[in-house]
Every structure is written in structure tokens, then in C-alpha cells.
């Protein structure tokens, strides 16, 4: 993912916010804020034969403490028009490979339990459910605005980086 990808990445992010099943976020950040909040590696985009961005994956550190340097929280977003075509699987696979190459030993995420497609995708990629956080936060936008939401905490441990 490069700054040149941002307009398409931002649109995909906007769709995820609007759909209400991907995030508690209420607005798409600026490129500068997005870039500052996430690790530069791993960050991936999926593009079609014409160079159109179909999806993206990126991660943020879970803590600034040295002991957690190999633990990240990731996001995967796919363009509405590209969903159900294997883009998420390709993105997640490329993201996991890049994360492991960067020394990441745990990838985690919080997923809404209603997002069955994301949970299936992650399970197929070796993620496991760690637990469920009930009424962890209230949605402020989208179709669930004002509703307390649960999230399912998932994680994937790296065999390559020695802890599986």
C-alpha cells in the first residue's frame, strides 16, 4: 500500500464503515492519520488486472511495550463489488506471509459476531476464537448506531516465528 493507493483504500474503508459490520469507526481518517496509526509493514492491497484496488489489509501494534513488539491487530477490507470472489482470502494470506516475514508472532482482531464471512475467512487462515467481549462498545454510526455491540476476539499464532 502506497500513498497513491489511498483514494481507493479510503473508499473501501468508507464502505466498511457505512455497512456497519466491520468497525466502530465513524469516519475515514486522512492518509496522514491512517499512516501514523499503522505499521508500514505489513500493509497490502489487492488489485485487479487494470490496477484497481479491490481490498486492503494493515495492522497496528497492540502495545508500545517491547514485550509485545510481535503482536499486531489487523484489519482486512474488501470493496463491496469484489466481495465473495476470494479477494479477502488472497489479502489475508499475503498479509499473514508479510507479517511473519516482519517478525510478527501474533495477529489478532476483534470481529463483530454478525460478520460470519470474516469469521469463516479467518478460521480458514488459521485464526482461532479467543473469546467474546459482550457489549464492549456502542456503535456511533451506520445501521447499528446507538447499539451496544459484542466483538469476537480472534488470533493467529505464527509457527514460523516459534510459538504455535
N, C-alpha and C. Protein backbone atom coordinates (compact mmCIF):
# COMPACT_ATOMS: atom_id res chain seq x y z
N UNK A 1 0.85 -1.17 0.00
CA UNK A 1 0.00 0.00 0.00
C UNK A 1 0.89 1.24 0.00
N UNK A 2 0.58 2.14 -0.90
CA UNK A 2 1.33 3.38 -1.01
C UNK A 2 0.36 4.56 -0.89
N UNK A 3 0.89 5.77 -0.69
CA UNK A 3 0.01 6.93 -0.66
C UNK A 3 -0.85 7.06 -1.92
N UNK A 4 -0.34 6.60 -3.06
CA UNK A 4 -1.11 6.67 -4.31
C UNK A 4 -2.35 5.78 -4.27
N UNK A 5 -2.32 4.74 -3.44
CA UNK A 5 -3.48 3.85 -3.30
C UNK A 5 -4.56 4.44 -2.41
N UNK A 6 -4.23 5.50 -1.67
CA UNK A 6 -5.13 5.97 -0.63
C UNK A 6 -6.54 6.31 -1.09
N UNK A 7 -6.76 7.01 -2.21
CA UNK A 7 -8.15 7.31 -2.57
C UNK A 7 -9.02 6.05 -2.68
N UNK A 8 -8.50 4.99 -3.26
CA UNK A 8 -9.28 3.74 -3.39
C UNK A 8 -9.37 3.01 -2.05
N UNK A 9 -8.28 3.01 -1.29
CA UNK A 9 -8.30 2.40 0.05
C UNK A 9 -9.32 3.12 0.92
N UNK A 10 -9.32 4.45 0.87
CA UNK A 10 -10.26 5.24 1.67
C UNK A 10 -11.70 4.94 1.29
N UNK A 11 -11.98 4.76 0.01
CA UNK A 11 -13.34 4.44 -0.42
C UNK A 11 -13.77 3.07 0.11
N UNK A 12 -12.87 2.11 0.06
CA UNK A 12 -13.19 0.77 0.59
C UNK A 12 -13.42 0.86 2.09
N UNK A 13 -12.60 1.63 2.78
CA UNK A 13 -12.77 1.85 4.22
C UNK A 13 -14.13 2.50 4.49
N UNK A 14 -14.49 3.51 3.69
CA UNK A 14 -15.77 4.20 3.84
C UNK A 14 -16.93 3.21 3.71
N UNK A 15 -16.84 2.31 2.74
CA UNK A 15 -17.89 1.31 2.55
C UNK A 15 -18.01 0.42 3.79
N UNK A 16 -16.87 0.03 4.36
CA UNK A 16 -16.89 -0.79 5.56
C UNK A 16 -17.54 -0.08 6.74
N UNK A 17 -17.24 1.20 6.89
CA UNK A 17 -17.86 1.99 7.95
C UNK A 17 -19.37 2.08 7.71
N UNK A 18 -19.75 2.39 6.48
CA UNK A 18 -21.15 2.56 6.13
C UNK A 18 -21.96 1.28 6.33
N UNK A 19 -21.36 0.13 6.00
CA UNK A 19 -22.07 -1.14 6.12
C UNK A 19 -22.32 -1.54 7.57
N UNK A 20 -21.48 -1.07 8.49
CA UNK A 20 -21.71 -1.27 9.91
C UNK A 20 -21.30 -2.61 10.48
N UNK A 21 -20.63 -3.45 9.72
CA UNK A 21 -20.23 -4.77 10.23
C UNK A 21 -18.71 -4.95 10.29
N UNK A 22 -17.96 -3.86 10.10
CA UNK A 22 -16.51 -4.01 10.06
C UNK A 22 -15.76 -3.24 11.15
N UNK A 23 -16.36 -2.18 11.68
CA UNK A 23 -15.59 -1.31 12.56
C UNK A 23 -16.50 -0.43 13.41
N UNK A 24 -15.97 0.04 14.52
CA UNK A 24 -16.65 1.05 15.32
C UNK A 24 -16.32 2.46 14.82
N UNK A 25 -15.38 2.57 13.90
CA UNK A 25 -15.01 3.89 13.37
C UNK A 25 -16.23 4.58 12.77
N UNK A 26 -16.22 5.91 12.79
CA UNK A 26 -17.33 6.68 12.25
C UNK A 26 -16.95 7.50 11.03
N UNK A 27 -15.65 7.62 10.78
CA UNK A 27 -15.20 8.40 9.62
C UNK A 27 -13.88 7.83 9.12
N UNK A 28 -13.64 8.05 7.85
CA UNK A 28 -12.37 7.64 7.25
C UNK A 28 -11.33 8.68 7.65
N UNK A 29 -10.19 8.24 8.17
CA UNK A 29 -9.16 9.21 8.55
C UNK A 29 -8.46 9.77 7.32
N UNK A 30 -7.66 10.78 7.53
CA UNK A 30 -6.79 11.28 6.45
C UNK A 30 -5.69 10.24 6.22
N UNK A 31 -5.03 10.33 5.09
CA UNK A 31 -3.90 9.44 4.84
C UNK A 31 -2.86 9.59 5.94
N UNK A 32 -2.58 10.81 6.37
CA UNK A 32 -1.56 11.05 7.38
C UNK A 32 -1.92 10.34 8.70
N UNK A 33 -3.18 10.42 9.10
CA UNK A 33 -3.60 9.76 10.34
C UNK A 33 -3.58 8.24 10.20
N UNK A 34 -4.07 7.75 9.07
CA UNK A 34 -4.05 6.31 8.80
C UNK A 34 -2.61 5.78 8.84
N UNK A 35 -1.74 6.46 8.12
CA UNK A 35 -0.34 6.06 8.02
C UNK A 35 0.35 6.08 9.39
N UNK A 36 0.09 7.10 10.19
CA UNK A 36 0.72 7.23 11.50
C UNK A 36 0.24 6.16 12.48
N UNK A 37 -0.99 5.70 12.33
CA UNK A 37 -1.57 4.75 13.29
C UNK A 37 -1.25 3.29 12.97
N UNK A 38 -0.70 3.03 11.79
CA UNK A 38 -0.46 1.65 11.38
C UNK A 38 1.01 1.42 11.06
N UNK A 39 1.39 0.17 11.20
CA UNK A 39 2.75 -0.22 10.83
C UNK A 39 2.93 -0.08 9.32
N UNK A 40 4.14 0.27 8.90
CA UNK A 40 4.39 0.36 7.46
C UNK A 40 4.52 -1.02 6.83
N UNK A 41 4.86 -2.00 7.64
CA UNK A 41 4.99 -3.37 7.17
C UNK A 41 4.51 -4.30 8.27
N UNK A 42 3.50 -5.08 8.05
CA UNK A 42 2.86 -5.41 6.78
C UNK A 42 1.68 -4.50 6.45
N UNK A 43 1.58 -4.19 5.18
CA UNK A 43 0.45 -3.44 4.59
C UNK A 43 0.33 -3.93 3.17
N UNK A 44 -0.84 -4.40 2.79
CA UNK A 44 -1.00 -4.94 1.43
C UNK A 44 -2.30 -4.46 0.81
N UNK A 45 -2.31 -4.41 -0.52
CA UNK A 45 -3.53 -4.16 -1.28
C UNK A 45 -3.66 -5.27 -2.32
N UNK A 46 -4.90 -5.55 -2.68
CA UNK A 46 -5.19 -6.46 -3.80
C UNK A 46 -5.67 -5.59 -4.95
N UNK A 47 -5.12 -5.85 -6.12
CA UNK A 47 -5.52 -5.07 -7.30
C UNK A 47 -5.96 -6.02 -8.41
N UNK A 48 -6.86 -5.52 -9.27
CA UNK A 48 -7.28 -6.32 -10.41
C UNK A 48 -6.30 -6.11 -11.57
N UNK A 49 -6.57 -6.73 -12.70
CA UNK A 49 -5.66 -6.64 -13.85
C UNK A 49 -5.50 -5.21 -14.36
N UNK A 50 -6.47 -4.36 -14.09
CA UNK A 50 -6.39 -2.97 -14.52
C UNK A 50 -5.77 -2.05 -13.48
N UNK A 51 -5.34 -2.61 -12.35
CA UNK A 51 -4.71 -1.81 -11.31
C UNK A 51 -5.67 -1.22 -10.30
N UNK A 52 -6.95 -1.56 -10.39
CA UNK A 52 -7.95 -1.06 -9.43
C UNK A 52 -7.78 -1.79 -8.10
N UNK A 53 -7.76 -1.03 -7.00
CA UNK A 53 -7.63 -1.62 -5.68
C UNK A 53 -8.96 -2.27 -5.31
N UNK A 54 -8.91 -3.57 -4.96
CA UNK A 54 -10.09 -4.34 -4.59
C UNK A 54 -10.20 -4.55 -3.09
N UNK A 55 -9.11 -4.35 -2.37
CA UNK A 55 -9.13 -4.54 -0.93
C UNK A 55 -7.78 -4.21 -0.33
N UNK A 56 -7.76 -4.16 0.98
CA UNK A 56 -6.52 -3.83 1.68
C UNK A 56 -6.48 -4.51 3.04
N UNK A 57 -5.26 -4.64 3.55
CA UNK A 57 -5.04 -5.16 4.90
C UNK A 57 -3.88 -4.39 5.52
N UNK A 58 -4.03 -4.05 6.78
CA UNK A 58 -3.00 -3.31 7.50
C UNK A 58 -3.11 -3.65 8.98
N UNK A 59 -2.10 -3.24 9.74
CA UNK A 59 -2.08 -3.57 11.17
C UNK A 59 -1.50 -2.44 11.99
N UNK A 60 -1.87 -2.46 13.25
CA UNK A 60 -1.33 -1.54 14.23
C UNK A 60 -0.73 -2.35 15.37
N UNK A 61 0.30 -1.83 16.01
CA UNK A 61 0.83 -2.54 17.18
C UNK A 61 -0.22 -2.55 18.30
N UNK A 62 -0.25 -3.60 19.10
CA UNK A 62 -1.20 -3.64 20.21
C UNK A 62 -0.66 -2.91 21.43
N UNK A 63 0.65 -2.70 21.47
CA UNK A 63 1.27 -2.03 22.61
C UNK A 63 2.61 -1.45 22.18
N UNK A 64 3.02 -0.41 22.86
CA UNK A 64 4.34 0.17 22.61
C UNK A 64 5.42 -0.55 23.41
N UNK A 65 5.01 -1.44 24.33
CA UNK A 65 5.99 -2.14 25.16
C UNK A 65 6.76 -3.17 24.34
N UNK A 66 8.03 -3.27 24.59
CA UNK A 66 8.94 -4.15 23.86
C UNK A 66 8.46 -5.60 23.85
N UNK A 67 7.92 -6.06 24.95
CA UNK A 67 7.48 -7.46 25.05
C UNK A 67 6.42 -7.81 24.02
N UNK A 68 5.67 -6.82 23.54
CA UNK A 68 4.58 -7.04 22.59
C UNK A 68 4.95 -6.64 21.16
N UNK A 69 6.22 -6.47 20.87
CA UNK A 69 6.64 -5.97 19.56
C UNK A 69 6.19 -6.85 18.40
N UNK A 70 5.93 -8.13 18.64
CA UNK A 70 5.50 -9.05 17.60
C UNK A 70 4.02 -9.35 17.62
N UNK A 71 3.23 -8.49 18.27
CA UNK A 71 1.79 -8.68 18.35
C UNK A 71 1.11 -7.49 17.68
N UNK A 72 0.25 -7.78 16.70
CA UNK A 72 -0.43 -6.72 15.97
C UNK A 72 -1.93 -6.98 15.92
N UNK A 73 -2.68 -5.91 15.75
CA UNK A 73 -4.11 -6.00 15.49
C UNK A 73 -4.32 -5.57 14.04
N UNK A 74 -4.96 -6.43 13.28
CA UNK A 74 -5.08 -6.17 11.85
C UNK A 74 -6.53 -5.90 11.42
N UNK A 75 -6.64 -5.36 10.21
CA UNK A 75 -7.92 -5.12 9.56
C UNK A 75 -7.81 -5.60 8.12
N UNK A 76 -8.90 -6.16 7.60
CA UNK A 76 -8.99 -6.56 6.20
C UNK A 76 -10.30 -6.00 5.67
N UNK A 77 -10.23 -5.25 4.59
CA UNK A 77 -11.42 -4.66 3.97
C UNK A 77 -11.43 -5.00 2.49
N UNK A 78 -12.61 -5.31 1.97
CA UNK A 78 -12.77 -5.65 0.55
C UNK A 78 -13.85 -4.76 -0.05
N UNK A 79 -13.59 -4.25 -1.23
CA UNK A 79 -14.55 -3.45 -1.98
C UNK A 79 -15.86 -4.21 -2.11
N UNK A 80 -16.98 -3.53 -1.88
CA UNK A 80 -18.29 -4.20 -1.97
C UNK A 80 -18.43 -5.03 -3.25
N UNK A 81 -18.09 -4.45 -4.37
CA UNK A 81 -18.27 -5.11 -5.66
C UNK A 81 -17.35 -6.32 -5.85
N UNK A 82 -16.35 -6.46 -4.99
CA UNK A 82 -15.40 -7.57 -5.12
C UNK A 82 -15.61 -8.65 -4.06
N UNK A 83 -16.57 -8.46 -3.17
CA UNK A 83 -16.79 -9.44 -2.11
C UNK A 83 -17.30 -10.76 -2.67
N UNK A 84 -16.92 -11.84 -2.01
CA UNK A 84 -17.35 -13.17 -2.42
C UNK A 84 -16.58 -13.74 -3.59
N UNK A 85 -15.48 -13.12 -3.97
CA UNK A 85 -14.68 -13.57 -5.12
C UNK A 85 -13.29 -14.04 -4.73
N UNK A 86 -13.04 -14.23 -3.44
CA UNK A 86 -11.74 -14.72 -3.00
C UNK A 86 -10.71 -13.64 -2.72
N UNK A 87 -11.09 -12.38 -2.84
CA UNK A 87 -10.15 -11.28 -2.60
C UNK A 87 -9.70 -11.27 -1.14
N UNK A 88 -10.64 -11.45 -0.22
CA UNK A 88 -10.30 -11.47 1.20
C UNK A 88 -9.31 -12.57 1.54
N UNK A 89 -9.52 -13.75 0.95
CA UNK A 89 -8.61 -14.88 1.19
C UNK A 89 -7.21 -14.56 0.70
N UNK A 90 -7.12 -14.00 -0.50
CA UNK A 90 -5.80 -13.63 -1.05
C UNK A 90 -5.13 -12.54 -0.21
N UNK A 91 -5.89 -11.55 0.19
CA UNK A 91 -5.35 -10.47 1.02
C UNK A 91 -4.84 -11.00 2.35
N UNK A 92 -5.66 -11.81 3.00
CA UNK A 92 -5.28 -12.31 4.31
C UNK A 92 -4.06 -13.21 4.22
N UNK A 93 -3.99 -14.03 3.20
CA UNK A 93 -2.82 -14.89 3.01
C UNK A 93 -1.55 -14.06 2.80
N UNK A 94 -1.65 -13.05 1.93
CA UNK A 94 -0.48 -12.18 1.68
C UNK A 94 -0.12 -11.40 2.94
N UNK A 95 -1.11 -10.96 3.68
CA UNK A 95 -0.86 -10.22 4.91
C UNK A 95 -0.15 -11.10 5.94
N UNK A 96 -0.64 -12.32 6.14
CA UNK A 96 -0.02 -13.24 7.10
C UNK A 96 1.43 -13.50 6.71
N UNK A 97 1.67 -13.77 5.43
CA UNK A 97 3.05 -14.01 4.97
C UNK A 97 3.94 -12.80 5.25
N UNK A 98 3.44 -11.60 4.94
CA UNK A 98 4.22 -10.39 5.17
C UNK A 98 4.45 -10.15 6.67
N UNK A 99 3.44 -10.43 7.47
CA UNK A 99 3.57 -10.24 8.92
C UNK A 99 4.62 -11.19 9.49
N UNK A 100 4.57 -12.43 9.08
CA UNK A 100 5.56 -13.39 9.58
C UNK A 100 6.96 -13.02 9.12
N UNK A 101 7.09 -12.55 7.89
CA UNK A 101 8.41 -12.11 7.39
C UNK A 101 8.92 -10.92 8.20
N UNK A 102 8.00 -10.11 8.73
CA UNK A 102 8.38 -8.94 9.52
C UNK A 102 8.60 -9.29 11.00
N UNK A 103 8.47 -10.57 11.36
CA UNK A 103 8.73 -10.99 12.73
C UNK A 103 7.52 -11.01 13.65
N UNK A 104 6.33 -10.84 13.10
CA UNK A 104 5.11 -10.87 13.91
C UNK A 104 4.83 -12.30 14.34
N UNK A 105 4.52 -12.49 15.63
CA UNK A 105 4.20 -13.83 16.10
C UNK A 105 2.73 -14.00 16.47
N UNK A 106 2.01 -12.90 16.66
CA UNK A 106 0.58 -12.99 16.92
C UNK A 106 -0.14 -11.90 16.15
N UNK A 107 -1.13 -12.31 15.37
CA UNK A 107 -2.03 -11.38 14.67
C UNK A 107 -3.40 -11.54 15.34
N UNK A 108 -3.95 -10.44 15.76
CA UNK A 108 -5.27 -10.51 16.40
C UNK A 108 -6.22 -9.52 15.75
N UNK A 109 -7.51 -9.71 16.02
CA UNK A 109 -8.54 -8.78 15.54
C UNK A 109 -9.77 -8.96 16.41
N UNK A 110 -10.59 -7.95 16.42
CA UNK A 110 -11.92 -8.03 17.01
C UNK A 110 -12.92 -7.95 15.87
N UNK A 111 -13.80 -8.95 15.81
CA UNK A 111 -14.76 -9.05 14.71
C UNK A 111 -16.16 -9.08 15.30
N UNK A 112 -17.08 -8.37 14.68
CA UNK A 112 -18.47 -8.45 15.12
C UNK A 112 -18.97 -9.87 14.87
N UNK A 113 -19.67 -10.47 15.83
CA UNK A 113 -20.13 -11.85 15.64
C UNK A 113 -21.08 -12.00 14.46
N UNK A 114 -21.75 -10.93 14.07
CA UNK A 114 -22.64 -10.98 12.91
C UNK A 114 -21.88 -11.05 11.59
N UNK A 115 -20.60 -10.75 11.62
CA UNK A 115 -19.78 -10.77 10.40
C UNK A 115 -19.27 -12.20 10.16
N UNK A 116 -20.20 -13.09 9.84
CA UNK A 116 -19.88 -14.50 9.66
C UNK A 116 -18.86 -14.73 8.56
N UNK A 117 -18.91 -13.95 7.50
CA UNK A 117 -17.96 -14.13 6.39
C UNK A 117 -16.52 -13.88 6.87
N UNK A 118 -16.33 -12.85 7.67
CA UNK A 118 -14.99 -12.56 8.19
C UNK A 118 -14.53 -13.66 9.14
N UNK A 119 -15.42 -14.12 9.99
CA UNK A 119 -15.04 -15.19 10.92
C UNK A 119 -14.66 -16.46 10.17
N UNK A 120 -15.42 -16.82 9.12
CA UNK A 120 -15.08 -18.01 8.31
C UNK A 120 -13.75 -17.82 7.60
N UNK A 121 -13.54 -16.65 7.02
CA UNK A 121 -12.29 -16.34 6.33
C UNK A 121 -11.10 -16.51 7.26
N UNK A 122 -11.20 -15.95 8.45
CA UNK A 122 -10.09 -16.02 9.40
C UNK A 122 -9.88 -17.44 9.92
N UNK A 123 -10.95 -18.16 10.17
CA UNK A 123 -10.80 -19.55 10.61
C UNK A 123 -10.07 -20.37 9.56
N UNK A 124 -10.40 -20.18 8.30
CA UNK A 124 -9.74 -20.91 7.22
C UNK A 124 -8.26 -20.55 7.12
N UNK A 125 -7.89 -19.35 7.60
CA UNK A 125 -6.50 -18.89 7.56
C UNK A 125 -5.74 -19.23 8.84
N UNK A 126 -6.33 -20.04 9.71
CA UNK A 126 -5.62 -20.48 10.90
C UNK A 126 -5.86 -19.66 12.15
N UNK A 127 -6.82 -18.74 12.11
CA UNK A 127 -7.16 -17.97 13.30
C UNK A 127 -8.08 -18.80 14.20
N UNK A 128 -8.02 -18.51 15.49
CA UNK A 128 -8.92 -19.18 16.43
C UNK A 128 -9.62 -18.12 17.26
N UNK A 129 -10.78 -18.49 17.75
CA UNK A 129 -11.52 -17.60 18.63
C UNK A 129 -10.93 -17.70 20.03
N UNK A 130 -10.59 -16.55 20.58
CA UNK A 130 -10.03 -16.47 21.93
C UNK A 130 -11.14 -16.21 22.94
N UNK A 131 -12.12 -15.40 22.54
CA UNK A 131 -13.22 -15.10 23.44
C UNK A 131 -14.19 -14.11 22.82
N UNK A 132 -15.19 -13.82 23.58
CA UNK A 132 -16.22 -12.87 23.15
C UNK A 132 -16.30 -11.76 24.19
N UNK A 133 -16.26 -10.53 23.71
CA UNK A 133 -16.41 -9.40 24.60
C UNK A 133 -17.82 -8.86 24.42
N UNK A 134 -18.61 -8.97 25.47
CA UNK A 134 -20.01 -8.59 25.40
C UNK A 134 -20.18 -7.10 25.64
N UNK A 135 -20.99 -6.51 24.78
CA UNK A 135 -21.33 -5.08 24.91
C UNK A 135 -20.07 -4.25 25.17
N UNK A 136 -19.04 -4.47 24.35
CA UNK A 136 -17.75 -3.82 24.56
C UNK A 136 -17.79 -2.32 24.22
N UNK A 137 -18.62 -1.96 23.23
CA UNK A 137 -18.71 -0.56 22.84
C UNK A 137 -20.02 -0.33 22.11
N UNK A 138 -20.40 0.94 22.02
CA UNK A 138 -21.63 1.31 21.34
C UNK A 138 -21.30 1.87 19.97
N UNK A 139 -21.98 1.37 18.96
CA UNK A 139 -21.81 1.90 17.61
C UNK A 139 -22.31 3.33 17.55
N UNK A 140 -21.57 4.17 16.87
CA UNK A 140 -21.95 5.58 16.77
C UNK A 140 -22.41 5.95 15.36
N UNK A 141 -22.28 5.01 14.42
CA UNK A 141 -22.66 5.32 13.03
C UNK A 141 -23.20 4.06 12.37
N UNK A 142 -23.72 4.24 11.18
CA UNK A 142 -24.19 3.11 10.39
C UNK A 142 -25.51 2.55 10.90
N UNK A 143 -25.86 1.38 10.41
CA UNK A 143 -27.16 0.79 10.74
C UNK A 143 -27.31 0.40 12.21
N UNK A 144 -26.21 0.31 12.95
CA UNK A 144 -26.27 -0.08 14.36
C UNK A 144 -26.04 1.09 15.31
N UNK A 145 -26.15 2.31 14.82
CA UNK A 145 -25.89 3.50 15.64
C UNK A 145 -26.69 3.44 16.94
N UNK A 146 -26.00 3.67 18.05
CA UNK A 146 -26.62 3.68 19.37
C UNK A 146 -26.75 2.31 20.00
N UNK A 147 -26.33 1.26 19.31
CA UNK A 147 -26.48 -0.11 19.80
C UNK A 147 -25.18 -0.60 20.42
N UNK A 148 -25.29 -1.21 21.61
CA UNK A 148 -24.13 -1.87 22.21
C UNK A 148 -23.82 -3.10 21.39
N UNK A 149 -22.54 -3.32 21.09
CA UNK A 149 -22.13 -4.44 20.23
C UNK A 149 -21.14 -5.34 20.94
N UNK A 150 -21.24 -6.61 20.66
CA UNK A 150 -20.24 -7.60 21.08
C UNK A 150 -19.16 -7.68 20.01
N UNK A 151 -17.99 -8.14 20.40
CA UNK A 151 -16.96 -8.50 19.43
C UNK A 151 -16.39 -9.85 19.80
N UNK A 152 -15.92 -10.54 18.79
CA UNK A 152 -15.25 -11.83 18.97
C UNK A 152 -13.76 -11.56 18.79
N UNK A 153 -12.97 -11.89 19.79
CA UNK A 153 -11.52 -11.72 19.71
C UNK A 153 -10.92 -12.95 19.06
N UNK A 154 -10.19 -12.76 17.96
CA UNK A 154 -9.55 -13.86 17.26
C UNK A 154 -8.05 -13.62 17.20
N UNK A 155 -7.30 -14.71 17.05
CA UNK A 155 -5.85 -14.56 16.92
C UNK A 155 -5.28 -15.71 16.10
N UNK A 156 -4.12 -15.43 15.53
CA UNK A 156 -3.35 -16.43 14.80
C UNK A 156 -1.92 -16.36 15.31
N UNK A 157 -1.41 -17.50 15.73
CA UNK A 157 -0.03 -17.60 16.21
C UNK A 157 0.85 -18.11 15.08
N UNK A 158 2.04 -17.59 14.99
CA UNK A 158 2.97 -17.95 13.94
C UNK A 158 3.79 -19.18 14.27
N UNK A 159 3.68 -20.20 13.45
CA UNK A 159 4.56 -21.36 13.60
C UNK A 159 5.97 -20.98 13.16
N UNK A 160 6.05 -20.11 12.18
CA UNK A 160 7.34 -19.69 11.62
C UNK A 160 8.18 -18.93 12.65
N UNK A 161 7.53 -18.18 13.50
CA UNK A 161 8.25 -17.39 14.49
C UNK A 161 8.25 -18.05 15.87
N UNK A 162 8.00 -19.36 15.88
CA UNK A 162 8.29 -20.20 17.03
C UNK A 162 7.35 -20.26 18.20
N UNK A 163 6.08 -19.92 18.08
CA UNK A 163 5.26 -20.01 19.28
C UNK A 163 3.98 -20.80 19.12
N UNK A 164 3.73 -21.37 18.00
CA UNK A 164 2.46 -22.07 17.81
C UNK A 164 2.40 -23.32 18.65
